[in-house]
Amino acid sequence: MRSDHISLPVRHLLAVTFVVAAVAAACGSGESELVAGRGDLGHIHDLVVTDAGVLLVASHTGLYRIDDLDRAVLVGDEHHDLMAMIDTDEGDLLASGHPDLRLEDYRVDDHPAFLGLATSTDGGTSWAEIDLLGAADFHALVLVGDNLYAAETTGKIWHRGGDGAWAELGDVEARDLAIDPFNTQHQIAPSYLGKVWASVDGAATWETLEDAPTLVEIEWTESREILGISEAGTIWTTESIGSRWDEIARGPSDVETFHIDESGTWWVTVHGGGISQSLDQGNSWTDVYRPPDNR
């Protein structure tokens, strides 16, 4: 997940609110839209806030746009299980996971249902395969300049350079991945069991951080602050790999995803599909989406 950590002006919240209201008004209640009911999102794996302030949700059943507190609308008509998603500086989306096998273009004979790396240049309305279809299932993506790092479900970190060539790096079963934006040699990753692993040689080798708290998601900000969250919602920070961890805030519990967007807003998603945001670095939280009770 890409994250930049800067102070957040109040106008950002107003801008997001305005965009959500405008999108909802423009869309109305068109019959062609697929609006998520309770449980329809499944797991939420990643979030992207576009330059226009639109909140996009990478979920188990496809890409959704949050239009209102109880309204999530499917973007496009493809139902990929998006296990990881980020946006580029150009505003394109990159994603991985499991493809919508109703679509013949995503079927590869004698290969597992792995999406590899796909991209969208229209906000997720349509997707195009880049490569590794049927060969890789990435659960975390981090883009630093032209360098893409990806945590593969089999327990390997991959690197894709600006020339499009892939290289397999070291072994770590990473649930999430964060990288120092100024030094890609330094990387950190929580495992599926909550242990925190770190690399100081560009993901070639990994060691556990024995003094780190149990974490499920992690971010490395432009201010060189490492922030991680536990499943119970406790948020921790450290200045660098090997430094002391301090508890600094508490968010919603039953955490699935933790994301810090370019404006500095903190986002948390929880099991069941709820999404909350904090504009004050975890001191207070506001519900952004709650699945409808009856639909």
Protein backbone atom coordinates (compact mmCIF):
# COMPACT_ATOMS: atom_id res chain seq x y z
CA MET A 1 0.00 0.00 0.00
CA ARG A 2 1.25 3.42 -0.88
CA SER A 3 1.10 5.98 1.90
CA ASP A 4 2.19 9.55 2.43
CA HIS A 5 1.81 11.12 5.88
CA ILE A 6 1.27 14.88 6.01
CA SER A 7 -0.93 17.20 8.00
CA LEU A 8 -4.54 17.10 6.87
CA PRO A 9 -6.47 20.31 6.21
CA VAL A 10 -10.16 20.33 7.11
CA ARG A 11 -11.03 21.07 3.48
CA HIS A 12 -10.03 17.49 2.58
CA LEU A 13 -12.97 16.06 4.52
CA LEU A 14 -15.27 18.59 2.88
CA ALA A 15 -13.92 17.66 -0.54
CA VAL A 16 -14.47 13.94 0.04
CA THR A 17 -17.96 14.59 1.37
CA PHE A 18 -18.76 16.75 -1.66
CA VAL A 19 -17.50 14.12 -4.09
CA VAL A 20 -19.50 11.35 -2.42
CA ALA A 21 -22.65 13.44 -2.53
CA ALA A 22 -22.05 14.48 -6.12
CA VAL A 23 -21.46 10.92 -7.28
CA ALA A 24 -24.56 9.71 -5.48
CA ALA A 25 -26.67 12.47 -6.99
CA ALA A 26 -25.32 11.82 -10.47
CA CYS A 27 -25.92 8.10 -10.23
CA GLY A 28 -29.33 8.29 -8.60
CA SER A 29 -30.80 4.83 -8.23
CA GLY A 30 -30.17 3.57 -11.75
CA GLU A 31 -31.34 0.02 -12.23
CA SER A 32 -28.12 -0.93 -14.01
CA GLU A 33 -26.03 -0.33 -10.88
CA LEU A 34 -25.12 -3.17 -8.57
CA VAL A 35 -25.40 -1.86 -5.01
CA ALA A 36 -23.81 -4.05 -2.34
CA GLY A 37 -26.08 -5.56 0.27
CA ARG A 38 -25.07 -6.82 3.68
CA GLY A 39 -22.12 -9.20 3.31
CA ASP A 40 -21.77 -8.66 -0.44
CA LEU A 41 -18.30 -7.12 -0.22
CA GLY A 42 -16.88 -10.13 1.57
CA HIS A 43 -13.42 -9.18 2.77
CA ILE A 44 -12.01 -5.72 2.06
CA HIS A 45 -8.39 -6.01 1.01
CA ASP A 46 -7.34 -2.48 0.02
CA LEU A 47 -8.51 1.11 -0.33
CA VAL A 48 -7.62 3.84 -2.82
CA VAL A 49 -8.69 7.48 -2.58
CA THR A 50 -8.47 8.96 -6.07
CA ASP A 51 -7.24 12.44 -6.88
CA ALA A 52 -10.91 13.43 -7.23
CA GLY A 53 -11.62 12.24 -3.68
CA VAL A 54 -13.53 9.08 -4.63
CA LEU A 55 -13.11 6.15 -2.23
CA LEU A 56 -12.53 2.85 -4.07
CA VAL A 57 -12.72 -0.47 -2.24
CA ALA A 58 -10.87 -3.58 -3.40
CA SER A 59 -13.04 -6.40 -2.12
CA HIS A 60 -13.56 -10.13 -2.37
CA THR A 61 -16.31 -9.63 -4.96
CA GLY A 62 -14.93 -6.77 -7.05
CA LEU A 63 -14.12 -3.08 -7.00
CA TYR A 64 -16.69 -0.86 -5.31
CA ARG A 65 -17.16 2.90 -5.04
CA ILE A 66 -18.45 4.30 -1.77
CA ASP A 67 -21.28 6.73 -2.55
CA ASP A 68 -22.82 7.09 0.90
CA LEU A 69 -22.74 5.70 4.42
CA ASP A 70 -24.75 2.62 3.36
CA ARG A 71 -24.18 2.64 -0.40
CA ALA A 72 -21.33 0.82 -2.16
CA VAL A 73 -21.66 0.52 -5.95
CA LEU A 74 -19.80 -1.98 -8.13
CA VAL A 75 -17.45 -0.22 -10.54
CA GLY A 76 -17.72 -1.79 -14.00
CA ASP A 77 -19.07 -5.31 -14.28
CA GLU A 78 -16.04 -7.50 -13.51
CA HIS A 79 -16.07 -9.41 -10.21
CA HIS A 80 -12.37 -9.97 -9.54
CA ASP A 81 -11.31 -10.92 -6.02
CA LEU A 82 -8.90 -8.01 -5.58
CA MET A 83 -6.43 -9.12 -2.93
CA ALA A 84 -4.18 -6.07 -3.41
CA MET A 85 -4.64 -2.71 -5.12
CA ILE A 86 -2.74 0.57 -5.34
CA ASP A 87 -2.81 3.65 -7.54
CA THR A 88 0.05 5.17 -9.50
CA ASP A 89 1.14 8.79 -9.72
CA GLU A 90 -0.68 8.94 -13.06
CA GLY A 91 -3.95 7.85 -11.42
CA ASP A 92 -4.02 4.33 -12.87
CA LEU A 93 -4.84 1.31 -10.71
CA LEU A 94 -2.69 -1.78 -10.25
CA ALA A 95 -4.19 -4.90 -8.74
CA SER A 96 -3.74 -8.61 -8.13
CA GLY A 97 -5.74 -11.48 -6.67
CA HIS A 98 -8.12 -13.90 -8.36
CA PRO A 99 -9.81 -13.15 -11.69
CA ASP A 100 -13.46 -13.27 -12.62
CA LEU A 101 -13.49 -16.65 -14.36
CA ARG A 102 -16.78 -15.91 -16.07
CA LEU A 103 -14.58 -13.97 -18.48
CA GLU A 104 -12.66 -16.15 -20.92
CA ASP A 105 -9.74 -13.72 -21.16
CA TYR A 106 -8.77 -14.55 -17.58
CA ARG A 107 -8.75 -18.33 -17.92
CA VAL A 108 -5.43 -20.13 -18.34
CA ASP A 109 -5.59 -23.88 -18.90
CA ASP A 110 -3.81 -25.97 -16.26
CA HIS A 111 -3.01 -22.89 -14.16
CA PRO A 112 -4.53 -21.64 -10.90
CA ALA A 113 -6.97 -18.74 -10.84
CA PHE A 114 -4.33 -16.07 -10.26
CA LEU A 115 -4.78 -12.57 -11.64
CA GLY A 116 -1.06 -11.81 -11.78
CA LEU A 117 -0.73 -8.05 -12.27
CA ALA A 118 -3.58 -6.13 -13.89
CA THR A 119 -4.15 -2.45 -14.51
CA SER A 120 -7.06 -0.08 -15.03
CA THR A 121 -6.74 3.33 -16.66
CA ASP A 122 -10.41 4.26 -16.21
CA GLY A 123 -10.89 4.03 -12.46
CA GLY A 124 -11.67 0.33 -12.43
CA THR A 125 -14.44 0.27 -15.04
CA SER A 126 -12.29 -2.07 -17.15
CA TRP A 127 -9.10 -4.02 -16.52
CA ALA A 128 -6.20 -5.15 -18.70
CA GLU A 129 -3.68 -7.83 -17.89
CA ILE A 130 -0.05 -6.74 -17.59
CA ASP A 131 1.52 -10.14 -16.98
CA LEU A 132 1.77 -13.24 -14.75
CA LEU A 133 -1.85 -14.28 -15.35
CA GLY A 134 -2.22 -17.74 -13.81
CA ALA A 135 1.28 -17.50 -12.32
CA ALA A 136 1.13 -15.12 -9.36
CA ASP A 137 -1.30 -14.05 -6.65
CA PHE A 138 -0.02 -10.95 -4.87
CA HIS A 139 -1.54 -9.94 -1.53
CA ALA A 140 0.40 -6.69 -1.14
CA LEU A 141 1.76 -4.19 -3.67
CA VAL A 142 4.11 -1.27 -3.01
CA LEU A 143 5.23 1.15 -5.71
CA VAL A 144 8.34 3.28 -5.08
CA GLY A 145 9.23 5.28 -8.15
CA ASP A 146 9.42 2.81 -11.04
CA ASN A 147 10.00 -0.12 -8.70
CA LEU A 148 7.08 -2.37 -7.82
CA TYR A 149 7.43 -4.77 -4.91
CA ALA A 150 4.84 -7.49 -4.45
CA ALA A 151 4.20 -10.07 -1.72
CA GLU A 152 3.17 -13.35 -3.31
CA THR A 153 0.86 -15.75 -1.50
CA THR A 154 3.40 -18.60 -1.67
CA GLY A 155 5.74 -16.63 0.59
CA LYS A 156 8.04 -14.80 -1.80
CA ILE A 157 8.69 -11.09 -2.45
CA TRP A 158 8.84 -10.16 -6.14
CA HIS A 159 10.29 -7.05 -7.76
CA ARG A 160 9.32 -5.50 -11.10
CA GLY A 161 11.59 -2.79 -12.45
CA GLY A 162 10.84 0.03 -14.81
CA ASP A 163 11.78 -2.22 -17.75
CA GLY A 164 8.99 -4.66 -16.83
CA ALA A 165 11.34 -7.46 -15.81
CA TRP A 166 10.45 -9.50 -12.72
CA ALA A 167 12.86 -10.90 -10.15
CA GLU A 168 12.06 -13.16 -7.21
CA LEU A 169 13.65 -11.95 -3.99
CA GLY A 170 13.60 -13.37 -0.47
CA ASP A 171 11.15 -15.60 1.37
CA VAL A 172 8.62 -14.20 3.84
CA GLU A 173 4.94 -15.03 4.29
CA ALA A 174 3.77 -11.42 4.24
CA ARG A 175 0.19 -10.40 4.88
CA ASP A 176 1.17 -6.80 4.17
CA LEU A 177 4.31 -4.98 3.03
CA ALA A 178 5.74 -1.52 3.72
CA ILE A 179 8.91 0.03 2.32
CA ASP A 180 10.98 3.05 3.28
CA PRO A 181 10.07 5.51 0.49
CA PHE A 182 13.62 6.91 0.56
CA ASN A 183 15.54 3.64 0.84
CA THR A 184 13.99 0.52 -0.66
CA GLN A 185 16.62 -1.63 1.02
CA HIS A 186 14.54 -1.25 4.20
CA GLN A 187 11.28 -3.21 4.19
CA ILE A 188 8.90 -4.48 6.86
CA ALA A 189 6.08 -7.01 6.76
CA PRO A 190 3.64 -8.59 9.22
CA SER A 191 2.99 -12.28 8.70
CA TYR A 192 -0.40 -13.99 8.73
CA LEU A 193 0.33 -14.95 12.34
CA GLY A 194 1.02 -11.33 13.31
CA LYS A 195 4.81 -11.57 13.62
CA VAL A 196 6.71 -8.63 12.17
CA TRP A 197 9.57 -9.32 9.76
CA ALA A 198 12.15 -6.86 8.44
CA SER A 199 14.72 -6.70 5.67
CA VAL A 200 17.64 -4.30 5.31
CA ASP A 201 18.91 -5.70 2.00
CA GLY A 202 16.03 -5.01 -0.37
CA ALA A 203 13.93 -8.07 0.57
CA ALA A 204 16.71 -10.58 -0.10
CA THR A 205 16.73 -11.81 3.51
CA TRP A 206 14.29 -11.36 6.39
CA GLU A 207 14.50 -11.50 10.18
CA THR A 208 11.79 -11.31 12.82
CA LEU A 209 11.58 -8.25 15.04
CA GLU A 210 11.21 -9.93 18.40
CA ASP A 211 10.23 -6.75 20.27
CA ALA A 212 7.57 -5.69 17.77
CA PRO A 213 3.87 -5.90 18.71
CA THR A 214 1.54 -8.30 16.95
CA LEU A 215 0.34 -6.53 13.80
CA VAL A 216 -1.94 -7.28 10.87
CA GLU A 217 -1.29 -4.22 8.65
CA ILE A 218 1.58 -1.76 8.31
CA GLU A 219 2.43 1.54 6.57
CA TRP A 220 5.70 3.43 6.02
CA THR A 221 5.03 7.11 5.48
CA GLU A 222 6.83 9.88 3.61
CA SER A 223 7.85 11.31 6.99
CA ARG A 224 9.71 8.02 7.59
CA GLU A 225 7.30 6.94 10.30
CA ILE A 226 6.34 3.27 10.49
CA LEU A 227 2.75 2.71 11.63
CA GLY A 228 1.14 -0.65 12.30
CA ILE A 229 -2.20 -1.82 13.62
CA SER A 230 -3.27 -4.90 15.53
CA GLU A 231 -6.46 -6.83 14.83
CA ALA A 232 -7.91 -5.30 18.00
CA GLY A 233 -7.32 -1.80 16.58
CA THR A 234 -4.28 -0.72 18.60
CA ILE A 235 -2.01 1.50 16.49
CA TRP A 236 1.73 1.42 17.07
CA THR A 237 4.62 3.45 15.69
CA THR A 238 8.38 3.19 15.45
CA GLU A 239 11.00 5.44 13.91
CA SER A 240 12.96 2.72 12.15
CA ILE A 241 13.61 -1.00 11.94
CA GLY A 242 14.91 -2.14 15.32
CA SER A 243 13.70 0.93 17.22
CA ARG A 244 11.23 0.90 20.11
CA TRP A 245 7.53 0.59 19.33
CA ASP A 246 5.07 2.94 21.04
CA GLU A 247 1.30 2.69 21.24
CA ILE A 248 -0.14 5.99 19.95
CA ALA A 249 -3.84 5.46 19.18
CA ARG A 250 -6.77 3.08 19.04
CA GLY A 251 -9.05 2.50 16.11
CA PRO A 252 -12.02 0.22 15.41
CA SER A 253 -11.52 -3.41 16.39
CA ASP A 254 -11.64 -6.54 14.23
CA VAL A 255 -9.34 -4.89 11.68
CA GLU A 256 -8.90 -6.11 8.12
CA THR A 257 -7.17 -3.15 6.44
CA PHE A 258 -5.19 -0.08 7.51
CA HIS A 259 -4.40 2.61 4.96
CA ILE A 260 -2.95 6.13 5.04
CA ASP A 261 -3.73 8.18 1.95
CA GLU A 262 -1.71 10.99 0.38
CA SER A 263 -3.50 13.66 2.40
CA GLY A 264 -2.65 11.96 5.68
CA THR A 265 -6.12 10.55 6.43
CA TRP A 266 -6.10 7.24 8.28
CA TRP A 267 -8.54 4.56 7.10
CA VAL A 268 -9.50 1.30 8.79
CA THR A 269 -11.76 -1.44 7.47
CA VAL A 270 -13.15 -4.17 9.70
CA HIS A 271 -14.56 -7.65 9.25
CA GLY A 272 -18.11 -7.36 8.03
CA GLY A 273 -17.35 -4.51 5.63
CA GLY A 274 -17.30 -1.38 7.80
CA ILE A 275 -14.98 1.51 6.89
CA SER A 276 -13.88 4.33 9.21
CA GLN A 277 -11.56 7.31 8.82
CA SER A 278 -9.57 9.50 11.19
CA LEU A 279 -8.53 13.06 10.37
CA ASP A 280 -6.56 13.54 13.58
CA GLN A 281 -4.12 10.62 13.59
CA GLY A 282 -6.37 8.22 15.45
CA ASN A 283 -7.73 10.48 18.18
CA SER A 284 -11.26 10.20 16.76
CA TRP A 285 -12.95 8.10 14.09
CA THR A 286 -15.89 8.64 11.75
CA ASP A 287 -17.90 5.95 9.98
CA VAL A 288 -17.60 6.24 6.20
CA TYR A 289 -19.41 3.06 5.22
CA ARG A 290 -21.58 0.60 7.06
CA PRO A 291 -23.21 -2.30 5.21
CA PRO A 292 -27.00 -1.90 5.03
CA ASP A 293 -28.93 -3.92 7.60
CA ASN A 294 -31.66 -5.04 5.23
CA ARG A 295 -31.22 -5.38 1.48
